[in-house]
């Protein structure tokens, strides 16, 4: 049940501490992992007081360990060791402090760390954070580079010196942070997010020198990996040496083997670029000259052909053909006209021979009534009928007498 308080009836601090202790005492034992930052052991028979800290955050808790429990790991556990503690939370009401009472301590070896990193690696890979298609291309010539590195570190000097030698005009926004220990992860994440929000920063390099596995653990932290994956600015990982491979290398848009390699792979060399431009200009000059030479030779070959060397010869050769064809056409057309004329004369003669007028010219006449009907036999006319007689030169009227 919630504690009922008000401004008129507040709860004393001692009572509140007692209530908190009663609630915590009901909690069961838990397994806790951390790094030993303080170790106080007065004698072999005395209780041991430890301070466990989260390597990725500035959070610590006190641990009280019985002498027989600590004696089992006394030879392998020391200041700075990573351990897993099975303990029950305990609240000391008079002082209002929380502590853990250890029942078992296990040192965390390199093998266990590698197993946990491999499990985290598979989890993040399944989410697609390491996929090649999500990686952003690096700018060819970054004007301003954000550098996240340790304070006064060799990594910072290597990146700045090599980048400036390659391209003197490049600018840097340097963020000096802790690169190992409890403050490393939050400071690195804060610096990356700050640089990512600046519109003038074209590229972010996270650089650190070499070290042991535990020294590089902050760069395999899940929160840091996700922060880099969410960046809009391309990120280059330059952690440790060639053999070192924290999870930051997998999520970054480019992995450099060393800080020096990061400077070489992100900033172009001005001398190399000048040489490349010169080589390209020479290549372009050769290509253009070769093209012109080929075209000139082709044009000369075309001009040397007879059809272009003496173009009138083609016309002269065809002139005789045209004259021959023209004479042939005239002869053919004349023959056709002569045949047509003969056929027309023959047809005209036949028409004249068959014409009634030719018959009339031989002395014949055609008798017709007034209505134009022709008299073909004597019975068609009666005495006294007026008829018309048509002869070759004209016609005249006649009367039938008998």
Protein backbone atom coordinates (compact mmCIF):
# COMPACT_ATOMS: atom_id res chain seq x y z
CA UNK A 1 0.00 0.00 0.00
CA UNK A 2 1.29 3.44 -0.89
CA UNK A 3 2.53 5.62 1.92
CA UNK A 4 0.02 8.37 2.75
CA UNK A 5 1.76 11.69 3.41
CA UNK A 6 1.00 15.38 3.15
CA UNK A 7 2.56 18.70 4.02
CA UNK A 8 0.81 18.61 7.40
CA UNK A 9 1.74 14.99 8.17
CA UNK A 10 5.11 14.23 6.56
CA UNK A 11 7.02 11.03 7.14
CA UNK A 12 10.36 11.25 9.01
CA UNK A 13 13.52 10.39 7.08
CA UNK A 14 14.28 7.53 9.42
CA UNK A 15 10.84 6.05 8.89
CA UNK A 16 11.19 6.39 5.12
CA UNK A 17 14.60 4.70 5.24
CA UNK A 18 13.12 1.90 7.32
CA UNK A 19 10.28 1.40 4.83
CA UNK A 20 12.70 1.35 1.91
CA UNK A 21 14.76 -1.26 3.72
CA UNK A 22 11.73 -3.44 4.34
CA UNK A 23 10.82 -3.31 0.67
CA UNK A 24 14.38 -4.07 -0.52
CA UNK A 25 14.76 -6.92 1.95
CA UNK A 26 11.88 -8.66 0.24
CA UNK A 27 13.86 -8.78 -3.01
CA UNK A 28 15.58 -11.99 -3.97
CA UNK A 29 19.21 -12.53 -4.86
CA UNK A 30 20.38 -11.49 -8.33
CA UNK A 31 23.40 -12.00 -10.59
CA UNK A 32 25.23 -8.71 -11.20
CA UNK A 33 28.11 -8.04 -13.59
CA UNK A 34 30.56 -5.19 -13.18
CA UNK A 35 34.14 -4.05 -12.80
CA UNK A 36 35.86 -3.83 -9.43
CA UNK A 37 36.97 -0.23 -8.90
CA UNK A 38 37.67 -0.43 -5.16
CA UNK A 39 38.83 -3.41 -3.10
CA UNK A 40 39.20 -3.14 0.68
CA UNK A 41 40.43 -6.21 2.52
CA UNK A 42 42.01 -5.67 5.92
CA UNK A 43 42.87 -9.30 6.64
CA UNK A 44 42.10 -12.80 5.47
CA UNK A 45 39.46 -13.25 8.13
CA UNK A 46 37.75 -9.87 7.73
CA UNK A 47 34.89 -8.99 5.44
CA UNK A 48 35.80 -7.63 2.03
CA UNK A 49 34.26 -4.41 0.73
CA UNK A 50 34.04 -3.98 -3.04
CA UNK A 51 32.75 -1.31 -5.36
CA UNK A 52 31.26 -2.61 -8.62
CA UNK A 53 30.88 -0.21 -11.53
CA UNK A 54 29.21 -0.57 -14.88
CA UNK A 55 32.05 -0.23 -17.43
CA UNK A 56 29.75 1.59 -19.85
CA UNK A 57 28.11 4.00 -17.38
CA UNK A 58 29.04 5.99 -14.31
CA UNK A 59 26.96 3.80 -12.00
CA UNK A 60 28.45 1.87 -9.08
CA UNK A 61 27.20 -0.14 -6.11
CA UNK A 62 28.86 -1.33 -2.92
CA UNK A 63 29.31 -5.04 -2.31
CA UNK A 64 29.93 -6.71 1.02
CA UNK A 65 31.59 -10.10 0.71
CA UNK A 66 32.15 -12.66 3.49
CA UNK A 67 35.81 -13.74 3.83
CA UNK A 68 35.12 -17.37 2.90
CA UNK A 69 33.36 -16.31 -0.33
CA UNK A 70 36.17 -13.97 -1.38
CA UNK A 71 38.84 -16.49 -0.46
CA UNK A 72 37.69 -18.68 -3.37
CA UNK A 73 38.66 -16.00 -5.94
CA UNK A 74 41.25 -14.01 -4.02
CA UNK A 75 44.09 -15.15 -6.27
CA UNK A 76 42.31 -14.28 -9.56
CA UNK A 77 40.32 -11.17 -8.67
CA UNK A 78 41.94 -7.80 -8.14
CA UNK A 79 41.35 -4.12 -8.75
CA UNK A 80 39.97 -3.60 -12.28
CA UNK A 81 38.76 -7.19 -12.74
CA UNK A 82 35.37 -7.89 -14.31
CA UNK A 83 33.31 -10.21 -12.16
CA UNK A 84 29.84 -11.67 -11.89
CA UNK A 85 28.42 -11.55 -8.36
CA UNK A 86 25.47 -13.48 -6.97
CA UNK A 87 24.19 -11.20 -4.19
CA UNK A 88 21.12 -10.09 -2.28
CA UNK A 89 20.27 -6.37 -2.12
CA UNK A 90 20.53 -4.92 1.38
CA UNK A 91 19.51 -1.53 2.74
CA UNK A 92 21.34 0.03 5.69
CA UNK A 93 18.60 2.15 7.23
CA UNK A 94 20.71 4.32 9.62
CA UNK A 95 22.75 5.69 6.72
CA UNK A 96 20.26 5.15 3.93
CA UNK A 97 22.71 3.27 1.71
CA UNK A 98 22.16 0.35 -0.64
CA UNK A 99 24.65 -2.49 -0.86
CA UNK A 100 24.83 -6.05 -2.11
CA UNK A 101 25.75 -8.99 0.10
CA UNK A 102 27.68 -11.42 -2.04
CA UNK A 103 27.11 -15.13 -1.84
CA UNK A 104 29.27 -16.06 -4.85
CA UNK A 105 31.86 -14.31 -7.06
CA UNK A 106 32.96 -15.47 -10.51
CA UNK A 107 35.65 -13.76 -12.54
CA UNK A 108 34.70 -12.96 -16.14
CA UNK A 109 37.37 -14.28 -18.47
CA UNK A 110 38.22 -13.25 -22.01
CA UNK A 111 36.40 -16.28 -23.36
CA UNK A 112 33.14 -15.27 -21.70
CA UNK A 113 33.49 -11.71 -22.97
CA UNK A 114 34.01 -12.99 -26.49
CA UNK A 115 30.95 -15.21 -26.22
CA UNK A 116 28.80 -12.29 -25.07
CA UNK A 117 30.15 -10.09 -27.83
CA UNK A 118 29.39 -12.79 -30.38
CA UNK A 119 25.81 -13.09 -29.10
CA UNK A 120 25.37 -9.31 -29.29
CA UNK A 121 26.90 -9.35 -32.76
CA UNK A 122 24.38 -11.94 -33.99
CA UNK A 123 21.49 -9.99 -32.47
CA UNK A 124 22.49 -6.71 -34.12
CA UNK A 125 23.23 -8.43 -37.43
CA UNK A 126 19.75 -9.99 -37.40
CA UNK A 127 18.30 -6.47 -37.06
CA UNK A 128 20.22 -5.40 -40.19
CA UNK A 129 22.56 -2.90 -38.49
CA UNK A 130 25.59 -4.39 -40.24
CA UNK A 131 23.99 -4.70 -43.70
CA UNK A 132 26.03 -3.28 -46.57
CA UNK A 133 23.02 -1.59 -48.22
CA UNK A 134 22.47 0.72 -45.23
CA UNK A 135 26.03 2.06 -45.26
CA UNK A 136 26.38 5.61 -46.55
CA UNK A 137 29.02 6.63 -49.12
CA UNK A 138 31.81 8.89 -47.96
CA UNK A 139 32.18 12.35 -49.56
CA UNK A 140 35.05 12.63 -52.03
CA UNK A 141 36.41 15.85 -50.51
CA UNK A 142 35.07 16.53 -46.99
CA UNK A 143 35.36 20.19 -46.06
CA UNK A 144 34.98 19.57 -42.33
CA UNK A 145 35.62 16.31 -40.46
CA UNK A 146 34.40 15.56 -36.96
CA UNK A 147 37.00 13.68 -34.90
CA UNK A 148 36.06 11.83 -31.72
CA UNK A 149 39.17 10.66 -29.89
CA UNK A 150 41.01 10.60 -26.57
CA UNK A 151 42.54 13.65 -24.96
CA UNK A 152 46.05 14.39 -26.28
CA UNK A 153 46.20 10.90 -27.80
CA UNK A 154 48.48 9.52 -30.50
CA UNK A 155 45.36 8.69 -32.52
CA UNK A 156 44.38 12.37 -32.64
CA UNK A 157 47.86 13.43 -33.74
CA UNK A 158 48.02 10.71 -36.41
CA UNK A 159 44.69 11.69 -37.95
CA UNK A 160 45.32 15.44 -37.89
CA UNK A 161 48.90 15.21 -39.18
CA UNK A 162 48.24 12.78 -42.03
CA UNK A 163 45.01 14.46 -43.12
CA UNK A 164 46.65 17.90 -43.19
CA UNK A 165 49.62 16.60 -45.17
CA UNK A 166 47.29 15.12 -47.75
CA UNK A 167 44.88 18.08 -48.01
CA UNK A 168 45.97 21.24 -46.13
CA UNK A 169 42.56 22.93 -46.52
CA UNK A 170 40.64 20.29 -44.56
CA UNK A 171 39.12 21.44 -41.25
CA UNK A 172 38.44 19.39 -38.12
CA UNK A 173 35.91 19.56 -35.31
CA UNK A 174 37.69 17.64 -32.53
CA UNK A 175 35.82 16.22 -29.56
CA UNK A 176 38.14 14.87 -26.88
CA UNK A 177 36.45 12.19 -24.79
CA UNK A 178 37.29 9.26 -22.56
CA UNK A 179 38.03 6.21 -24.71
CA UNK A 180 37.99 3.60 -21.95
CA UNK A 181 36.40 3.16 -18.59
CA UNK A 182 32.94 3.96 -17.30
CA UNK A 183 32.72 7.41 -18.90
CA UNK A 184 33.77 6.32 -22.38
CA UNK A 185 30.39 5.18 -23.77
CA UNK A 186 28.26 8.19 -22.74
CA UNK A 187 30.95 10.70 -23.78
CA UNK A 188 31.56 9.06 -27.16
CA UNK A 189 27.80 8.86 -27.84
CA UNK A 190 27.34 12.51 -26.84
CA UNK A 191 30.19 13.66 -29.09
CA UNK A 192 28.91 11.65 -32.08
CA UNK A 193 25.38 13.01 -31.71
CA UNK A 194 26.66 16.57 -31.31
CA UNK A 195 28.74 16.32 -34.50
CA UNK A 196 25.91 14.62 -36.37
CA UNK A 197 23.64 17.58 -35.64
CA UNK A 198 26.11 20.11 -37.09
CA UNK A 199 25.26 20.72 -40.78
CA UNK A 200 28.84 21.69 -41.64
CA UNK A 201 30.35 18.34 -40.63
CA UNK A 202 30.64 16.05 -43.67
CA UNK A 203 32.23 13.05 -41.95
CA UNK A 204 32.82 11.67 -38.44
CA UNK A 205 35.91 9.66 -37.46
CA UNK A 206 35.98 7.74 -34.19
CA UNK A 207 39.65 7.01 -33.45
CA UNK A 208 41.49 5.24 -30.66
CA UNK A 209 44.86 3.54 -30.34
CA UNK A 210 45.33 -0.14 -29.66
CA UNK A 211 44.67 -1.90 -26.41
CA UNK A 212 43.46 -5.05 -24.77
CA UNK A 213 40.03 -6.56 -25.16
CA UNK A 214 38.68 -4.92 -22.02
CA UNK A 215 40.11 -1.55 -23.06
CA UNK A 216 38.17 -1.67 -26.32
CA UNK A 217 34.91 -2.97 -24.82
CA UNK A 218 33.24 0.50 -24.84
CA UNK A 219 33.38 0.42 -28.65
CA UNK A 220 31.36 -2.81 -28.65
CA UNK A 221 28.64 -1.35 -26.41
CA UNK A 222 25.14 -1.88 -27.80
CA UNK A 223 24.02 1.69 -27.08
CA UNK A 224 27.04 3.10 -28.93
CA UNK A 225 26.49 0.78 -31.90
CA UNK A 226 22.86 1.85 -32.20
CA UNK A 227 23.80 5.52 -31.90
CA UNK A 228 26.24 5.18 -34.82
CA UNK A 229 23.62 3.29 -36.87
CA UNK A 230 21.18 6.19 -36.36
CA UNK A 231 23.66 8.85 -37.60
CA UNK A 232 22.84 10.74 -40.76
CA UNK A 233 26.50 11.67 -41.25
CA UNK A 234 28.88 8.94 -42.52
CA UNK A 235 30.95 7.45 -39.69
CA UNK A 236 34.45 5.96 -39.98
CA UNK A 237 35.72 3.57 -37.32
CA UNK A 238 39.47 3.68 -36.61
CA UNK A 239 39.78 1.67 -33.41
CA UNK A 240 43.00 -0.06 -32.37
CA UNK A 241 45.13 -1.93 -34.84
CA UNK A 242 44.47 -4.26 -37.74
CA UNK A 243 43.81 -7.25 -35.47
CA UNK A 244 41.28 -5.38 -33.30
CA UNK A 245 37.66 -5.65 -34.40
CA UNK A 246 35.06 -4.07 -32.08
CA UNK A 247 31.41 -4.03 -33.11
CA UNK A 248 31.79 -0.36 -34.05
CA UNK A 249 33.80 -1.50 -37.10
CA UNK A 250 30.83 -3.50 -38.36
CA UNK A 251 28.20 -0.77 -38.03
CA UNK A 252 30.39 2.10 -39.28
CA UNK A 253 30.12 3.15 -42.92
CA UNK A 254 33.87 2.52 -43.31
CA UNK A 255 36.31 0.54 -41.20
CA UNK A 256 39.91 1.78 -41.11
CA UNK A 257 42.63 -0.46 -39.74
CA UNK A 258 44.37 2.38 -37.85
CA UNK A 259 43.85 6.11 -37.24
CA UNK A 260 46.51 6.81 -39.87
CA UNK A 261 44.64 4.63 -42.35
CA UNK A 262 41.44 6.55 -41.55
CA UNK A 263 43.11 9.84 -42.55
CA UNK A 264 44.39 8.33 -45.79
CA UNK A 265 41.05 6.79 -46.75
CA UNK A 266 38.87 9.81 -45.99
CA UNK A 267 41.00 12.71 -47.26
CA UNK A 268 42.36 12.68 -50.85
CA UNK A 269 46.04 13.46 -51.39
CA UNK A 270 46.46 16.78 -53.20
CA UNK A 271 49.62 15.56 -54.96
CA UNK A 272 47.97 12.37 -56.11
CA UNK A 273 44.94 14.30 -57.34
CA UNK A 274 47.13 16.71 -59.31
CA UNK A 275 48.93 13.77 -60.88
CA UNK A 276 45.62 12.08 -61.64
CA UNK A 277 44.27 15.25 -63.29
CA UNK A 278 47.46 15.57 -65.34
CA UNK A 279 47.22 11.93 -66.45
CA UNK A 280 43.57 12.37 -67.38
CA UNK A 281 44.35 15.50 -69.40
CA UNK A 282 47.09 13.67 -71.29
CA UNK A 283 44.78 10.75 -71.90
CA UNK A 284 42.05 13.08 -73.17
CA UNK A 285 44.57 14.83 -75.43
CA UNK A 286 45.67 11.50 -76.90
CA UNK A 287 42.10 10.37 -77.41
CA UNK A 288 41.07 13.60 -79.16
CA UNK A 289 44.17 13.65 -81.36
CA UNK A 290 43.70 9.99 -82.25
CA UNK A 291 40.08 10.66 -83.17
CA UNK A 292 41.03 13.62 -85.36
CA UNK A 293 43.79 11.62 -87.06
CA UNK A 294 41.40 8.77 -87.84
CA UNK A 295 38.78 11.11 -89.21
CA UNK A 296 41.39 12.96 -91.30
CA UNK A 297 42.63 9.71 -92.81
CA UNK A 298 39.08 8.58 -93.51
CA UNK A 299 38.30 11.90 -95.22
CA UNK A 300 41.46 11.65 -97.33
CA UNK A 301 40.49 8.11 -98.40
CA UNK A 302 37.02 9.29 -99.38
CA UNK A 303 38.40 12.24 -101.35
CA UNK A 304 40.85 9.96 -103.19
CA UNK A 305 38.04 7.86 -104.67
CA UNK A 306 37.37 8.49 -108.42
CA UNK A 307 33.82 9.60 -107.81
CA UNK A 308 35.09 12.55 -105.77
CA UNK A 309 38.48 13.06 -107.42
CA UNK A 310 36.81 13.60 -110.88
CA UNK A 311 33.07 13.95 -110.32
CA UNK A 312 32.43 14.95 -114.02
CA UNK A 313 33.54 11.51 -115.18
CA UNK A 314 30.43 9.98 -113.71
CA UNK A 315 28.25 12.47 -115.61
CA UNK A 316 30.18 11.90 -118.82
CA UNK A 317 29.89 8.14 -118.49
CA UNK A 318 26.16 8.46 -118.04
CA UNK A 319 25.75 10.98 -120.85
CA UNK A 320 26.18 8.33 -123.56
CA UNK A 321 23.74 6.04 -121.77
CA UNK A 322 21.19 8.84 -121.59
CA UNK A 323 21.66 9.68 -125.32
CA UNK A 324 21.32 6.02 -126.28
CA UNK A 325 18.20 5.61 -124.19
CA UNK A 326 16.77 8.84 -125.60
CA UNK A 327 17.32 7.68 -129.26
CA UNK A 328 15.83 4.31 -128.45
CA UNK A 329 12.81 5.99 -126.90
CA UNK A 330 12.32 8.21 -129.95
CA UNK A 331 12.58 5.29 -132.37
CA UNK A 332 10.21 3.20 -130.30
CA UNK A 333 7.72 6.06 -130.06
CA UNK A 334 7.95 6.75 -133.84
CA UNK A 335 7.33 3.08 -134.64
CA UNK A 336 4.31 3.02 -132.38
CA UNK A 337 2.90 6.19 -134.01
CA UNK A 338 3.42 4.72 -137.51
CA UNK A 339 1.64 1.51 -136.57
CA UNK A 340 -1.19 3.47 -134.97
CA UNK A 341 -1.49 5.63 -138.09
CA UNK A 342 -1.71 2.56 -140.34
CA UNK A 343 -4.30 0.97 -138.10
CA UNK A 344 -6.32 4.18 -138.13
CA UNK A 345 -6.22 4.36 -141.97
CA UNK A 346 -7.34 0.76 -142.27
CA UNK A 347 -10.16 1.32 -139.87
CA UNK A 348 -11.24 4.49 -141.67
CA UNK A 349 -11.29 2.62 -145.01
CA UNK A 350 -13.47 -0.09 -143.54
CA UNK A 351 -15.83 2.47 -142.04
CA UNK A 352 -16.09 4.32 -145.36
CA UNK A 353 -16.73 1.09 -147.25
CA UNK A 354 -19.53 0.15 -144.89
CA UNK A 355 -21.08 3.66 -144.76
CA UNK A 356 -24.57 4.17 -146.42
CA UNK A 357 -23.20 7.37 -147.99
CA UNK A 358 -20.79 5.32 -150.08
CA UNK A 359 -23.74 3.29 -151.34
CA UNK A 360 -25.60 6.48 -152.28
CA UNK A 361 -22.56 7.73 -154.20
CA UNK A 362 -22.83 4.70 -156.44
CA UNK A 363 -26.29 5.96 -157.64
CA UNK A 364 -28.62 4.52 -155.05
CA UNK A 365 -31.40 6.52 -153.26
CA UNK A 366 -33.33 6.06 -149.99
CA UNK A 367 -37.09 6.72 -149.94
CA UNK A 368 -38.63 7.94 -146.69
CA UNK A 369 -42.02 8.98 -145.54
CA UNK A 370 -42.63 12.32 -143.88
CA UNK A 371 -42.14 10.68 -140.45
CA UNK A 372 -38.71 9.38 -141.54
CA UNK A 373 -39.61 5.71 -141.94
CA UNK A 374 -37.85 3.98 -144.86
CA UNK A 375 -39.73 2.43 -147.80
CA UNK A 376 -38.36 -1.09 -148.19
CA UNK A 377 -40.92 -2.68 -150.61
CA UNK A 378 -43.52 -1.40 -153.08
CA UNK A 379 -46.36 -2.34 -150.84
CA UNK A 380 -45.21 0.17 -148.22
CA UNK A 381 -46.36 3.06 -150.48
CA UNK A 382 -49.71 3.90 -152.12
CA UNK A 383 -50.35 5.99 -155.20
CA UNK A 384 -50.34 9.67 -154.38
CA UNK A 385 -48.13 9.32 -151.21
CA UNK A 386 -45.56 12.13 -150.90
CA UNK A 387 -42.08 10.74 -150.23
CA UNK A 388 -38.58 12.11 -149.76
CA UNK A 389 -35.77 10.72 -151.93
CA UNK A 390 -32.28 10.97 -150.36
CA UNK A 391 -29.30 10.76 -152.75
CA UNK A 392 -25.54 11.29 -152.33
CA UNK A 393 -25.64 15.05 -152.86
CA UNK A 394 -28.90 15.76 -150.98
CA UNK A 395 -32.64 14.99 -151.11
CA UNK A 396 -35.83 15.93 -152.94
CA UNK A 397 -39.58 15.19 -152.87
CA UNK A 398 -41.34 12.67 -155.05
CA UNK A 399 -44.95 11.46 -155.44
CA UNK A 400 -46.02 7.86 -156.01
CA UNK A 401 -47.98 7.54 -159.24
CA UNK A 402 -48.50 3.79 -159.37
